[in-house]
Amino acid sequence: MKLDKELLKNVVASSEVLPGNIYPAKGGRRSPGTDFWLVVSCSTHGAHCIGFNADGEPVSTASYLKGALRERPLVGRVDMEAFVLKEKANG
């Protein structure tokens, strides 16, 4: 059995990038150590993300074209209505 490359391209092209999607980080700058991207808002062609390290701490922000995120596996979802970023408590 062979995979139909055209079908795979169409699946990737039609994958919806939505707020709440979590994608793995790849390559790029390893400091501050972004391991995952959480999409927090979308425009027509872009997605605006918060980067989290392996401990789940927010460490960066970035904007990507939706096509760049469609090439990555969706690794999770967050309910954006329940999502709250809080300042880290001292102590």
C-alpha atoms as a PDB file:
ATOM      1  CA  MET A   1       0.000   0.000   0.000  1.00  0.00           C
ATOM      2  CA  LYS A   2       1.223   3.496  -0.840  1.00  0.00           C
ATOM      3  CA  LEU A   3       0.052   6.731   0.673  1.00  0.00           C
ATOM      4  CA  ASP A   4      -1.449   9.197  -1.762  1.00  0.00           C
ATOM      5  CA  LYS A   5       0.809  12.249  -1.452  1.00  0.00           C
ATOM      6  CA  GLU A   6      -1.810  14.525  -3.001  1.00  0.00           C
ATOM      7  CA  LEU A   7      -4.395  13.397  -0.451  1.00  0.00           C
ATOM      8  CA  LEU A   8      -1.940  14.047   2.385  1.00  0.00           C
ATOM      9  CA  LYS A   9      -1.249  17.552   1.015  1.00  0.00           C
ATOM     10  CA  ASN A  10      -4.979  18.260   0.934  1.00  0.00           C
ATOM     11  CA  VAL A  11      -5.442  17.047   4.518  1.00  0.00           C
ATOM     12  CA  VAL A  12      -2.628  19.293   5.750  1.00  0.00           C
ATOM     13  CA  ALA A  13      -3.943  22.262   3.745  1.00  0.00           C
ATOM     14  CA  SER A  14      -7.436  21.887   5.172  1.00  0.00           C
ATOM     15  CA  SER A  15      -6.413  21.302   8.806  1.00  0.00           C
ATOM     16  CA  GLU A  16      -7.900  24.089  10.862  1.00  0.00           C
ATOM     17  CA  VAL A  17      -5.548  26.139  13.014  1.00  0.00           C
ATOM     18  CA  LEU A  18      -7.682  27.356  15.908  1.00  0.00           C
ATOM     19  CA  PRO A  19      -7.172  29.126  19.232  1.00  0.00           C
ATOM     20  CA  GLY A  20      -6.539  26.420  21.824  1.00  0.00           C
ATOM     21  CA  ASN A  21      -4.491  24.163  19.538  1.00  0.00           C
ATOM     22  CA  ILE A  22      -1.108  23.087  20.909  1.00  0.00           C
ATOM     23  CA  TYR A  23       1.755  22.285  18.547  1.00  0.00           C
ATOM     24  CA  PRO A  24       5.337  21.192  19.245  1.00  0.00           C
ATOM     25  CA  ALA A  25       8.090  23.762  18.796  1.00  0.00           C
ATOM     26  CA  LYS A  26      10.780  22.777  16.351  1.00  0.00           C
ATOM     27  CA  GLY A  27      14.274  24.025  15.765  1.00  0.00           C
ATOM     28  CA  GLY A  28      14.881  27.708  16.225  1.00  0.00           C
ATOM     29  CA  ARG A  29      16.192  29.311  19.370  1.00  0.00           C
ATOM     30  CA  ARG A  30      16.465  26.865  22.266  1.00  0.00           C
ATOM     31  CA  SER A  31      16.694  29.649  24.829  1.00  0.00           C
ATOM     32  CA  PRO A  32      14.322  30.379  26.560  1.00  0.00           C
ATOM     33  CA  GLY A  33      13.546  26.749  25.756  1.00  0.00           C
ATOM     34  CA  THR A  34      10.199  26.815  23.963  1.00  0.00           C
ATOM     35  CA  ASP A  35       8.870  23.256  23.698  1.00  0.00           C
ATOM     36  CA  PHE A  36       5.231  23.898  22.747  1.00  0.00           C
ATOM     37  CA  TRP A  37       3.166  26.607  21.076  1.00  0.00           C
ATOM     38  CA  LEU A  38      -0.370  27.427  22.197  1.00  0.00           C
ATOM     39  CA  VAL A  39      -2.423  29.292  19.596  1.00  0.00           C
ATOM     40  CA  VAL A  40      -4.197  32.163  21.387  1.00  0.00           C
ATOM     41  CA  SER A  41      -5.659  34.024  18.413  1.00  0.00           C
ATOM     42  CA  CYS A  42      -5.878  33.801  14.640  1.00  0.00           C
ATOM     43  CA  SER A  43      -6.096  36.236  11.764  1.00  0.00           C
ATOM     44  CA  THR A  44      -6.929  35.388   8.163  1.00  0.00           C
ATOM     45  CA  HIS A  45      -3.529  33.843   7.438  1.00  0.00           C
ATOM     46  CA  GLY A  46      -1.704  33.935  10.753  1.00  0.00           C
ATOM     47  CA  ALA A  47      -1.725  32.436  14.237  1.00  0.00           C
ATOM     48  CA  HIS A  48      -0.478  34.207  17.351  1.00  0.00           C
ATOM     49  CA  CYS A  49       1.074  31.916  19.944  1.00  0.00           C
ATOM     50  CA  ILE A  50       2.445  31.720  23.455  1.00  0.00           C
ATOM     51  CA  GLY A  51       5.475  29.451  23.842  1.00  0.00           C
ATOM     52  CA  PHE A  52       5.749  27.155  26.853  1.00  0.00           C
ATOM     53  CA  ASN A  53       8.758  25.240  28.156  1.00  0.00           C
ATOM     54  CA  ALA A  54       8.669  21.582  29.218  1.00  0.00           C
ATOM     55  CA  ASP A  55       7.532  22.621  32.727  1.00  0.00           C
ATOM     56  CA  GLY A  56       4.469  24.394  31.302  1.00  0.00           C
ATOM     57  CA  GLU A  57       5.768  27.893  32.017  1.00  0.00           C
ATOM     58  CA  PRO A  58       5.152  30.623  29.416  1.00  0.00           C
ATOM     59  CA  VAL A  59       8.522  31.711  28.007  1.00  0.00           C
ATOM     60  CA  SER A  60       7.968  33.357  24.625  1.00  0.00           C
ATOM     61  CA  THR A  61       5.543  34.610  21.992  1.00  0.00           C
ATOM     62  CA  ALA A  62       5.503  34.337  18.209  1.00  0.00           C
ATOM     63  CA  SER A  63       3.296  34.678  15.174  1.00  0.00           C
ATOM     64  CA  TYR A  64       3.266  32.044  12.442  1.00  0.00           C
ATOM     65  CA  LEU A  65       1.548  31.603   9.126  1.00  0.00           C
ATOM     66  CA  LYS A  66      -1.189  29.029   9.577  1.00  0.00           C
ATOM     67  CA  GLY A  67       0.449  26.888   6.874  1.00  0.00           C
ATOM     68  CA  ALA A  68       3.575  26.516   9.018  1.00  0.00           C
ATOM     69  CA  LEU A  69       1.533  25.175  11.939  1.00  0.00           C
ATOM     70  CA  ARG A  70      -0.493  22.839   9.711  1.00  0.00           C
ATOM     71  CA  GLU A  71       2.751  20.980   8.980  1.00  0.00           C
ATOM     72  CA  ARG A  72       3.149  20.112  12.671  1.00  0.00           C
ATOM     73  CA  PRO A  73       1.191  17.467  14.556  1.00  0.00           C
ATOM     74  CA  LEU A  74      -1.566  18.733  16.820  1.00  0.00           C
ATOM     75  CA  VAL A  75      -0.499  17.478  20.259  1.00  0.00           C
ATOM     76  CA  GLY A  76      -3.271  18.894  22.421  1.00  0.00           C
ATOM     77  CA  ARG A  77      -6.131  21.333  22.924  1.00  0.00           C
ATOM     78  CA  VAL A  78      -6.885  23.899  25.606  1.00  0.00           C
ATOM     79  CA  ASP A  79     -10.319  25.284  26.465  1.00  0.00           C
ATOM     80  CA  MET A  80      -9.552  28.955  25.835  1.00  0.00           C
ATOM     81  CA  GLU A  81     -12.598  30.069  27.828  1.00  0.00           C
ATOM     82  CA  ALA A  82     -11.051  28.487  30.942  1.00  0.00           C
ATOM     83  CA  PHE A  83      -7.427  29.445  30.160  1.00  0.00           C
ATOM     84  CA  VAL A  84      -5.872  32.019  32.518  1.00  0.00           C
ATOM     85  CA  LEU A  85      -2.262  33.155  32.718  1.00  0.00           C
ATOM     86  CA  LYS A  86      -1.281  34.195  36.232  1.00  0.00           C
ATOM     87  CA  GLU A  87       1.788  35.901  37.554  1.00  0.00           C
ATOM     88  CA  LYS A  88       4.083  33.420  39.261  1.00  0.00           C
ATOM     89  CA  ALA A  89       3.746  33.655  43.043  1.00  0.00           C
ATOM     90  CA  ASN A  90       6.956  34.478  44.922  1.00  0.00           C
ATOM     91  CA  GLY A  91       7.919  32.178  47.716  1.00  0.00           C
END
